[in-house]
Amino acid sequence: MVAQKDAQGRMSPPRLVLDTNVLLSALLFHAGSLSWLRIAWQSKTIRPLASRDTTEELIRVLSYPKFRLTADEREDLLGDYLPWCEAVTVPKRIKVPDCRDPLDRPFLELALAAKANALVTGDKDLLVLADVFAVPILMPATFRDRLPEDSKK
């Protein structure tokens, strides 16, 4: 699940849906437990996936007053993430399992539409769907454990 061969036979990084809370931790806390994710996407060890809805959610959450981010700081954070993403168009009607939190639905839809290798989250409402969802739903630490040793630095 960690890497796949592309059409030319080269190894390609795993394509991941990262939920908003995981992204916020990676972007806002440089010495935090998820700071390795930022390094992983910038070194092309992973390939984050983004849809219009998941990007809008990230922009909305970065604007929360509790983060005290200026417009320039929000732009810088988006610039540290979005250029590394693969943009995916999610069809209007995609069937996903019912989820307690409707704000989690776009992450499930993106994972299915993109045929992601995994949805990485700490959200209990998503994690409870792991046994019934077609795409693996993993905690960040579980996903990291599956990366090759030289990718974990």
Protein backbone atom coordinates (compact mmCIF):
# COMPACT_ATOMS: atom_id res chain seq x y z
CA MET A 1 0.00 0.00 0.00
CA VAL A 2 2.93 2.34 0.52
CA ALA A 3 4.05 2.76 -3.07
CA GLN A 4 2.86 1.67 -6.49
CA LYS A 5 4.40 1.47 -9.91
CA ASP A 6 3.28 4.09 -12.41
CA ALA A 7 2.63 3.45 -16.12
CA GLN A 8 6.39 3.64 -16.81
CA GLY A 9 7.21 1.12 -14.08
CA ARG A 10 8.61 3.70 -11.63
CA MET A 11 7.61 3.66 -8.00
CA SER A 12 5.11 6.37 -7.19
CA PRO A 13 4.30 7.69 -3.71
CA PRO A 14 1.11 6.68 -1.95
CA ARG A 15 -1.80 8.98 -2.77
CA LEU A 16 -3.45 10.08 0.47
CA VAL A 17 -6.46 11.98 1.70
CA LEU A 18 -5.40 13.90 4.81
CA ASP A 19 -8.27 15.17 6.92
CA THR A 20 -8.34 18.78 8.07
CA ASN A 21 -7.19 18.13 11.64
CA VAL A 22 -4.22 16.10 10.43
CA LEU A 23 -3.32 18.88 7.99
CA LEU A 24 -3.64 21.57 10.63
CA SER A 25 -1.28 19.70 12.93
CA ALA A 26 1.25 19.23 10.13
CA LEU A 27 1.03 22.86 8.99
CA LEU A 28 0.76 24.75 12.27
CA PHE A 29 3.00 22.78 14.63
CA HIS A 30 6.49 22.50 13.11
CA ALA A 31 7.81 20.44 16.03
CA GLY A 32 4.57 18.51 16.57
CA SER A 33 3.89 14.82 16.25
CA LEU A 34 2.63 15.22 12.66
CA SER A 35 5.31 17.59 11.36
CA TRP A 36 6.79 14.61 9.47
CA LEU A 37 3.82 14.77 7.09
CA ARG A 38 4.85 18.18 5.74
CA ILE A 39 8.35 16.84 5.09
CA ALA A 40 6.82 13.73 3.47
CA TRP A 41 4.73 15.65 0.94
CA GLN A 42 7.50 18.15 0.19
CA SER A 43 9.99 15.30 -0.38
CA LYS A 44 7.37 13.51 -2.54
CA THR A 45 7.31 10.53 -0.18
CA ILE A 46 3.52 10.91 -0.18
CA ARG A 47 1.13 12.57 -2.61
CA PRO A 48 -1.73 14.41 -0.86
CA LEU A 49 -5.05 14.58 -2.66
CA ALA A 50 -7.36 17.59 -2.61
CA SER A 51 -10.83 18.33 -3.93
CA ARG A 52 -12.69 21.61 -4.11
CA ASP A 53 -14.66 20.72 -0.97
CA THR A 54 -11.67 19.59 1.11
CA THR A 55 -9.70 22.67 0.09
CA GLU A 56 -12.61 24.96 0.98
CA GLU A 57 -12.82 23.24 4.38
CA LEU A 58 -9.10 23.82 5.00
CA ILE A 59 -9.39 27.50 4.04
CA ARG A 60 -12.44 27.90 6.28
CA VAL A 61 -10.74 26.30 9.29
CA LEU A 62 -7.51 28.27 8.85
CA SER A 63 -9.67 31.39 9.25
CA TYR A 64 -10.86 30.41 12.73
CA PRO A 65 -10.06 33.23 15.18
CA LYS A 66 -8.44 30.78 17.63
CA PHE A 67 -5.51 30.32 15.22
CA ARG A 68 -4.89 34.09 15.03
CA LEU A 69 -3.53 33.79 11.49
CA THR A 70 -3.27 36.82 9.25
CA ALA A 71 -4.36 36.57 5.62
CA ASP A 72 -0.68 36.42 4.61
CA GLU A 73 0.02 33.61 7.10
CA ARG A 74 -2.96 31.63 5.78
CA GLU A 75 -1.70 32.12 2.21
CA ASP A 76 1.78 30.94 3.25
CA LEU A 77 0.35 27.80 4.87
CA LEU A 78 -1.75 27.03 1.82
CA GLY A 79 1.37 27.59 -0.29
CA ASP A 80 3.18 25.00 1.83
CA TYR A 81 0.50 22.44 1.01
CA LEU A 82 -1.59 22.97 -2.11
CA PRO A 83 1.24 22.96 -4.69
CA TRP A 84 2.13 19.43 -3.54
CA CYS A 85 -1.42 18.15 -3.94
CA GLU A 86 -3.01 16.24 -6.76
CA ALA A 87 -6.30 17.97 -7.56
CA VAL A 88 -9.21 15.56 -7.94
CA THR A 89 -12.66 16.31 -9.31
CA VAL A 90 -15.23 14.46 -7.24
CA PRO A 91 -18.45 13.51 -9.06
CA LYS A 92 -21.65 15.03 -7.69
CA ARG A 93 -23.23 11.75 -6.72
CA ILE A 94 -20.77 9.40 -5.12
CA LYS A 95 -22.03 6.85 -2.61
CA VAL A 96 -20.20 6.74 0.70
CA PRO A 97 -21.18 5.18 4.03
CA ASP A 98 -23.26 7.29 6.37
CA CYS A 99 -21.06 9.29 8.70
CA ARG A 100 -22.12 10.97 11.94
CA ASP A 101 -20.41 14.23 10.99
CA PRO A 102 -21.55 15.58 7.58
CA LEU A 103 -18.34 17.64 7.35
CA ASP A 104 -16.42 14.36 7.02
CA ARG A 105 -18.31 13.31 3.89
CA PRO A 106 -16.05 15.20 1.40
CA PHE A 107 -13.01 13.28 2.68
CA LEU A 108 -14.75 9.95 2.11
CA GLU A 109 -15.92 11.07 -1.34
CA LEU A 110 -12.43 12.23 -2.29
CA ALA A 111 -10.86 8.97 -1.14
CA LEU A 112 -13.26 6.93 -3.27
CA ALA A 113 -13.23 9.20 -6.33
CA ALA A 114 -9.42 9.35 -6.37
CA LYS A 115 -8.94 5.66 -5.53
CA ALA A 116 -6.66 6.86 -2.74
CA ASN A 117 -4.24 4.48 -1.07
CA ALA A 118 -5.53 5.65 2.33
CA LEU A 119 -7.48 8.26 4.22
CA VAL A 120 -5.30 9.44 7.11
CA THR A 121 -7.22 10.76 10.09
CA GLY A 122 -7.50 10.84 13.85
CA ASP A 123 -11.24 11.56 13.63
CA LYS A 124 -13.21 8.89 15.50
CA ASP A 125 -16.24 9.43 13.24
CA LEU A 126 -14.11 8.40 10.26
CA LEU A 127 -12.09 5.70 12.02
CA VAL A 128 -15.26 3.77 12.93
CA LEU A 129 -15.90 3.35 9.20
CA ALA A 130 -12.57 1.58 8.58
CA ASP A 131 -14.15 -1.89 8.43
CA VAL A 132 -16.84 -0.90 5.91
CA PHE A 133 -15.01 1.56 3.66
CA ALA A 134 -13.31 0.53 0.41
CA VAL A 135 -10.24 2.70 1.09
CA PRO A 136 -8.08 2.04 4.18
CA ILE A 137 -8.76 4.58 6.95
CA LEU A 138 -5.65 4.89 9.09
CA MET A 139 -4.38 6.89 12.04
CA PRO A 140 -1.28 8.95 11.13
CA ALA A 141 1.03 6.80 13.28
CA THR A 142 -0.28 3.60 11.68
CA PHE A 143 0.33 5.01 8.22
CA ARG A 144 3.81 6.20 9.19
CA ASP A 145 4.68 2.73 10.47
CA ARG A 146 3.97 1.42 6.95
CA LEU A 147 6.42 3.81 5.29
CA PRO A 148 9.91 2.55 4.43
CA GLU A 149 12.47 3.41 7.13
CA ASP A 150 14.31 5.93 4.93
CA SER A 151 11.06 7.87 4.46
CA LYS A 152 10.45 8.45 8.18
CA LYS A 153 13.20 10.99 8.75
